[in-house]
Protein backbone atom coordinates (compact mmCIF):
# COMPACT_ATOMS: atom_id res chain seq x y z
CA MET A 1 131.03 67.75 24.85
CA ARG A 2 128.58 67.87 27.65
CA LYS A 3 127.56 71.17 29.27
CA ILE A 4 127.66 71.41 33.09
CA ALA A 5 126.53 74.43 35.27
CA ILE A 6 128.06 74.61 38.56
CA GLU A 7 126.68 76.94 41.39
CA THR A 8 128.08 77.34 44.95
CA LEU A 9 125.97 78.44 47.88
CA ASP A 10 128.34 79.70 50.45
CA GLY A 11 128.71 76.17 52.20
CA THR A 12 131.51 74.38 53.78
CA ILE A 13 133.40 73.45 50.52
CA GLU A 14 133.85 77.30 49.97
CA MET A 15 135.49 78.01 53.31
CA ALA A 16 139.04 79.25 53.55
CA THR A 17 140.93 81.18 56.15
CA ASP A 18 140.78 85.06 55.84
CA SER A 19 143.73 87.43 56.73
CA CYS A 20 142.61 87.50 60.45
CA GLY A 21 142.57 83.69 60.62
CA LYS A 22 138.85 83.44 60.62
CA MET A 23 136.87 80.79 58.37
CA GLN A 24 135.03 82.73 55.48
CA PRO A 25 133.16 81.44 52.35
CA ILE A 26 135.79 82.95 49.86
CA VAL A 27 136.51 80.16 47.60
CA THR A 28 134.79 80.75 44.21
CA SER A 29 133.14 78.29 41.79
CA ASP A 30 136.05 78.83 39.23
CA ALA A 31 138.61 78.21 41.87
CA LEU A 32 136.99 74.89 42.76
CA ILE A 33 136.76 73.84 39.05
CA ASN A 34 140.24 74.77 38.47
CA ASN A 35 141.55 72.40 41.29
CA ILE A 36 139.96 69.37 39.62
CA PRO A 37 142.48 67.88 37.21
CA GLY A 38 141.23 67.26 33.70
CA PHE A 39 137.66 68.32 34.44
CA LYS A 40 137.71 71.02 31.74
CA ASN A 41 138.66 68.27 29.23
CA ILE A 42 135.41 66.31 29.64
CA ALA A 43 132.77 69.15 29.75
CA TYR A 44 132.02 72.79 28.91
CA ILE A 45 131.66 74.25 32.47
CA HIS A 46 129.76 77.35 33.32
CA ALA A 47 130.23 78.71 36.79
C-alpha cells in the first residue's frame, strides 16, 4: 500500500463557518481525508 502525507496550510479548503457566522480555517486534515470515500483503502495516510 502506498504512503501519502497530507498537510494543510490554512487555505480556502479548510474554511468553515464558526459559531459567529464568520469564515475561519477550522477544518482539519483528518476531517478532509475522512470525507473522501474509500481513500483510506488505497493508501496509508498521514495527516
